[in-house]
Amino acid sequence: MVDINNITDKREILFALAPFSEGVKALKRRSDLVDFAYSDLRLYGSTLTKEGVGSILEGNTVPGAPVFEHRLCEAHRKLLSRFDDKLHMGLETDNILLNEFCVTLASSELPPYREGSPLLYHLDFVPGNDDRISADLADMFTAIRRAEKEDAFAGDFCYKAAAIHMGILKVYPYEEGFSELSARAAAQYELVRAGCFPVDIDISESEYNRICGDAIRTGDAAEFAELLRKAVFKKLHMLIDAVKRGV
């Protein structure tokens, strides 16, 4: 188990090594984007390799990969740029920001809110009243802010990111899989807001679905939070090693 204090300490070690070489900066930029896009596509069900995702992000076409997956890779590039814009504005994750993330991922306009109450077979969960989607999201974000103010997360930004992710999935606002994509984008944004980076959530789609289902049924986001802590710790270790090696 990774303690949030270990992550905080490791982050301080990394930033104490600044200024970084151009090689380290380039490595970070590429790993941020590839980790973010590859993790998201894999959890979406894509069979693209990490190398394939990297190739698409470099402007190449991967034979056999659907057009949608090429478009989704480019959407992640735009999304990271939006992260920077929103951070400069000091924005927290809320309904409006979530919709913006979803628009970027859809590469067009906002996908419609779900129609009916579809059984989310992989979550074993039926969402609530369709007329209350916006209100439920607003209530969820308000509860998150209240919990943070009361220090319910004990300063653990990974747990906060996981709680937001699971809260969005419990409401399940969008059609066509964009609820999961947008929820993960919100979690990654929270990591970046906390001074860390987008990460590869290194699990399979089936394991991700199980963890999400368990979290929604129990109301406990701890397992997903631990995955985020491990991923952040691993990335910090990689960057520190790159700096020390003189990349």
Protein backbone atom coordinates (compact mmCIF):
# COMPACT_ATOMS: atom_id res chain seq x y z
CA MET A 1 0.00 0.00 0.00
CA VAL A 2 1.32 3.44 -0.97
CA ASP A 3 0.92 6.16 1.64
CA ILE A 4 0.05 9.65 0.37
CA ASN A 5 2.93 11.01 2.46
CA ASN A 6 5.34 8.86 0.44
CA ILE A 7 4.02 10.49 -2.71
CA THR A 8 4.32 13.97 -1.22
CA ASP A 9 7.91 13.25 -0.16
CA LYS A 10 8.81 11.85 -3.58
CA ARG A 11 7.25 14.84 -5.32
CA GLU A 12 9.37 17.17 -3.19
CA ILE A 13 12.48 15.15 -4.09
CA LEU A 14 11.68 15.52 -7.79
CA PHE A 15 11.08 19.27 -7.67
CA ALA A 16 14.22 19.76 -5.57
CA LEU A 17 16.17 18.43 -8.58
CA ALA A 18 14.92 21.27 -10.80
CA PRO A 19 15.74 22.91 -13.17
CA PHE A 20 15.21 19.95 -15.47
CA SER A 21 17.06 19.29 -18.70
CA GLU A 22 15.26 19.60 -22.02
CA GLY A 23 15.47 15.82 -22.28
CA VAL A 24 13.61 15.32 -19.00
CA LYS A 25 11.02 17.92 -19.98
CA ALA A 26 10.44 16.16 -23.29
CA LEU A 27 10.22 12.78 -21.55
CA LYS A 28 7.63 14.14 -19.11
CA ARG A 29 5.54 15.75 -21.86
CA ARG A 30 5.47 12.56 -23.89
CA SER A 31 4.83 10.25 -20.93
CA ASP A 32 2.02 12.50 -19.65
CA LEU A 33 0.22 12.28 -22.97
CA VAL A 34 0.94 8.64 -23.80
CA ASP A 35 0.14 7.42 -20.27
CA PHE A 36 -3.12 9.38 -20.25
CA ALA A 37 -4.30 8.27 -23.70
CA TYR A 38 -3.10 4.66 -23.49
CA SER A 39 -4.61 4.07 -20.06
CA ASP A 40 -7.93 5.53 -21.14
CA LEU A 41 -8.14 3.63 -24.42
CA ARG A 42 -7.23 0.34 -22.75
CA LEU A 43 -9.94 0.82 -20.11
CA TYR A 44 -12.33 1.69 -22.93
CA GLY A 45 -11.65 -1.73 -24.45
CA SER A 46 -9.06 -0.82 -27.10
CA THR A 47 -6.40 -3.38 -28.02
CA LEU A 48 -3.93 -0.72 -29.15
CA THR A 49 -0.46 -1.15 -27.66
CA LYS A 50 1.29 1.67 -25.87
CA GLU A 51 3.62 1.94 -28.85
CA GLY A 52 0.59 2.19 -31.15
CA VAL A 53 -0.93 4.96 -29.09
CA GLY A 54 2.41 6.78 -29.09
CA SER A 55 2.64 6.43 -32.87
CA ILE A 56 -0.84 7.90 -33.37
CA LEU A 57 0.02 10.78 -31.06
CA GLU A 58 3.08 11.45 -33.26
CA GLY A 59 0.75 11.91 -36.22
CA ASN A 60 0.91 8.42 -37.73
CA THR A 61 -1.87 6.04 -38.72
CA VAL A 62 -1.94 2.58 -37.15
CA PRO A 63 -3.38 0.05 -39.64
CA GLY A 64 -6.34 -1.86 -38.24
CA ALA A 65 -7.07 0.63 -35.47
CA PRO A 66 -10.57 2.15 -35.77
CA VAL A 67 -10.93 5.79 -36.78
CA PHE A 68 -12.60 6.45 -33.42
CA GLU A 69 -9.46 5.34 -31.55
CA HIS A 70 -7.28 7.62 -33.67
CA ARG A 71 -9.69 10.46 -32.92
CA LEU A 72 -9.72 9.62 -29.21
CA CYS A 73 -5.92 9.80 -29.06
CA GLU A 74 -6.03 13.29 -30.52
CA ALA A 75 -8.84 14.22 -28.11
CA HIS A 76 -6.53 13.38 -25.21
CA ARG A 77 -3.91 15.75 -26.59
CA LYS A 78 -6.51 18.52 -26.64
CA LEU A 79 -7.74 17.53 -23.19
CA LEU A 80 -4.30 17.96 -21.62
CA SER A 81 -4.13 21.42 -23.14
CA ARG A 82 -7.54 22.17 -21.63
CA PHE A 83 -6.24 20.94 -18.26
CA ASP A 84 -3.55 23.64 -18.41
CA ASP A 85 -6.07 26.31 -19.35
CA LYS A 86 -8.42 25.36 -16.51
CA LEU A 87 -5.58 25.20 -14.00
CA HIS A 88 -4.45 28.71 -14.92
CA MET A 89 -8.01 29.82 -14.21
CA GLY A 90 -7.97 28.01 -10.86
CA LEU A 91 -11.06 25.95 -11.72
CA GLU A 92 -12.23 22.99 -9.67
CA THR A 93 -13.99 20.03 -11.22
CA ASP A 94 -17.73 20.67 -11.48
CA ASN A 95 -20.66 20.04 -13.84
CA ILE A 96 -19.52 22.64 -16.36
CA LEU A 97 -15.94 21.43 -16.45
CA LEU A 98 -17.07 17.81 -16.72
CA ASN A 99 -19.22 18.69 -19.72
CA GLU A 100 -16.23 20.44 -21.32
CA PHE A 101 -14.11 17.34 -20.82
CA CYS A 102 -16.84 15.25 -22.43
CA VAL A 103 -17.14 17.61 -25.41
CA THR A 104 -13.38 17.34 -25.98
CA LEU A 105 -13.44 13.55 -25.77
CA ALA A 106 -16.38 13.39 -28.16
CA SER A 107 -14.48 15.67 -30.57
CA SER A 108 -17.69 17.53 -31.35
CA GLU A 109 -20.69 18.51 -29.26
CA LEU A 110 -21.74 17.17 -25.90
CA PRO A 111 -23.13 13.63 -26.19
CA PRO A 112 -26.73 13.39 -25.02
CA TYR A 113 -27.54 12.48 -21.47
CA ARG A 114 -28.50 8.84 -21.22
CA GLU A 115 -32.01 7.90 -22.23
CA GLY A 116 -33.98 5.68 -19.90
CA SER A 117 -32.06 3.93 -17.14
CA PRO A 118 -29.82 1.42 -18.91
CA LEU A 119 -28.51 -1.47 -16.88
CA LEU A 120 -24.77 -0.94 -16.68
CA TYR A 121 -24.01 -4.64 -16.92
CA HIS A 122 -20.34 -4.28 -16.07
CA LEU A 123 -21.14 -2.22 -12.97
CA ASP A 124 -24.23 -4.21 -11.96
CA PHE A 125 -25.87 -0.88 -11.30
CA VAL A 126 -28.94 1.00 -12.56
CA PRO A 127 -28.59 4.81 -12.50
CA GLY A 128 -31.21 7.02 -10.91
CA ASN A 129 -33.88 9.31 -12.28
CA ASP A 130 -33.00 10.67 -15.73
CA ASP A 131 -34.57 14.06 -14.99
CA ARG A 132 -32.14 14.59 -12.12
CA ILE A 133 -28.81 14.02 -13.87
CA SER A 134 -27.60 17.63 -13.68
CA ALA A 135 -28.87 18.03 -10.12
CA ASP A 136 -27.28 14.76 -9.01
CA LEU A 137 -23.92 15.80 -10.46
CA ALA A 138 -24.15 19.17 -8.74
CA ASP A 139 -25.01 17.49 -5.43
CA MET A 140 -22.09 15.10 -5.83
CA PHE A 141 -19.55 17.86 -6.46
CA THR A 142 -20.95 19.87 -3.55
CA ALA A 143 -20.52 16.84 -1.28
CA ILE A 144 -16.93 16.39 -2.50
CA ARG A 145 -16.07 20.02 -1.74
CA ARG A 146 -17.70 19.73 1.68
CA ALA A 147 -15.76 16.55 2.45
CA GLU A 148 -12.50 18.19 1.41
CA LYS A 149 -13.22 21.25 3.54
CA GLU A 150 -13.87 18.96 6.51
CA ASP A 151 -10.62 17.09 5.71
CA ALA A 152 -12.53 13.85 5.20
CA PHE A 153 -9.89 12.82 2.62
CA ALA A 154 -7.07 13.46 5.11
CA GLY A 155 -5.18 15.45 2.49
CA ASP A 156 -5.15 12.47 0.11
CA PHE A 157 -5.71 13.98 -3.34
CA CYS A 158 -5.70 10.49 -4.87
CA TYR A 159 -8.69 9.51 -2.74
CA LYS A 160 -10.45 12.74 -3.72
CA ALA A 161 -9.80 11.96 -7.41
CA ALA A 162 -11.14 8.43 -6.91
CA ALA A 163 -14.23 9.71 -5.07
CA ILE A 164 -15.02 12.14 -7.91
CA HIS A 165 -14.52 9.38 -10.47
CA MET A 166 -16.88 7.00 -8.67
CA GLY A 167 -19.41 9.76 -7.98
CA ILE A 168 -19.65 10.55 -11.69
CA LEU A 169 -20.10 6.89 -12.55
CA LYS A 170 -22.85 6.54 -9.97
CA VAL A 171 -24.78 9.32 -11.70
CA TYR A 172 -23.70 7.98 -15.12
CA PRO A 173 -24.62 11.12 -17.07
CA TYR A 174 -23.70 10.40 -20.69
CA GLU A 175 -24.47 7.87 -23.39
CA GLU A 176 -22.04 5.79 -25.47
CA GLY A 177 -19.38 5.18 -22.85
CA PHE A 178 -18.54 8.84 -22.36
CA SER A 179 -19.47 8.65 -18.68
CA GLU A 180 -16.46 6.42 -18.00
CA LEU A 181 -14.16 8.48 -20.23
CA SER A 182 -15.25 11.73 -18.59
CA ALA A 183 -15.00 10.28 -15.08
CA ARG A 184 -11.42 9.19 -15.71
CA ALA A 185 -10.61 12.60 -17.22
CA ALA A 186 -11.93 14.25 -14.04
CA ALA A 187 -9.77 11.97 -11.89
CA GLN A 188 -6.67 12.76 -13.97
CA TYR A 189 -7.45 16.47 -13.75
CA GLU A 190 -7.53 16.21 -9.96
CA LEU A 191 -4.07 14.61 -9.98
CA VAL A 192 -2.74 17.47 -12.10
CA ARG A 193 -4.46 20.04 -9.86
CA ALA A 194 -2.60 18.50 -6.93
CA GLY A 195 0.75 19.11 -8.63
CA CYS A 196 1.22 15.66 -10.08
CA PHE A 197 0.74 14.26 -13.58
CA PRO A 198 -1.58 12.19 -15.74
CA VAL A 199 -0.83 8.52 -15.13
CA ASP A 200 -1.37 5.08 -16.58
CA ILE A 201 -3.97 3.32 -14.41
CA ASP A 202 -2.32 -0.02 -14.95
CA ILE A 203 -5.19 -2.53 -14.85
CA SER A 204 -7.31 -4.41 -17.37
CA GLU A 205 -10.76 -3.31 -18.49
CA SER A 206 -12.40 -6.23 -16.66
CA GLU A 207 -10.57 -5.43 -13.41
CA TYR A 208 -11.50 -1.77 -13.77
CA ASN A 209 -15.16 -2.71 -14.21
CA ARG A 210 -15.06 -4.91 -11.10
CA ILE A 211 -13.45 -2.18 -9.00
CA CYS A 212 -15.99 0.39 -10.20
CA GLY A 213 -18.89 -1.95 -9.48
CA ASP A 214 -17.62 -2.70 -5.98
CA ALA A 215 -17.04 0.99 -5.25
CA ILE A 216 -20.52 2.00 -6.37
CA ARG A 217 -22.17 -0.76 -4.33
CA THR A 218 -20.15 -0.09 -1.16
CA GLY A 219 -19.60 3.67 -1.50
CA ASP A 220 -15.87 3.12 -0.86
CA ALA A 221 -13.39 4.43 -3.46
CA ALA A 222 -10.34 3.15 -1.55
CA GLU A 223 -9.33 0.47 -4.06
CA PHE A 224 -9.31 2.88 -6.99
CA ALA A 225 -7.51 5.49 -4.87
CA GLU A 226 -4.76 2.96 -4.17
CA LEU A 227 -4.37 2.33 -7.91
CA LEU A 228 -3.94 6.07 -8.45
CA ARG A 229 -1.39 6.33 -5.64
CA LYS A 230 0.65 3.45 -7.09
CA ALA A 231 0.55 5.00 -10.57
CA VAL A 232 1.60 8.44 -9.29
CA PHE A 233 4.40 6.96 -7.17
CA LYS A 234 5.67 4.92 -10.15
CA LYS A 235 5.72 7.97 -12.39
CA LEU A 236 7.51 10.11 -9.84
CA HIS A 237 10.12 7.36 -9.47
CA MET A 238 10.57 7.22 -13.26
CA LEU A 239 11.08 10.98 -13.54
CA ILE A 240 13.51 11.12 -10.62
CA ASP A 241 15.51 8.31 -12.20
CA ALA A 242 15.54 10.14 -15.54
CA VAL A 243 16.85 13.33 -13.89
CA LYS A 244 19.59 11.44 -12.03
CA ARG A 245 20.63 9.62 -15.21
CA GLY A 246 20.94 12.92 -16.99
CA VAL A 247 18.36 12.27 -19.70
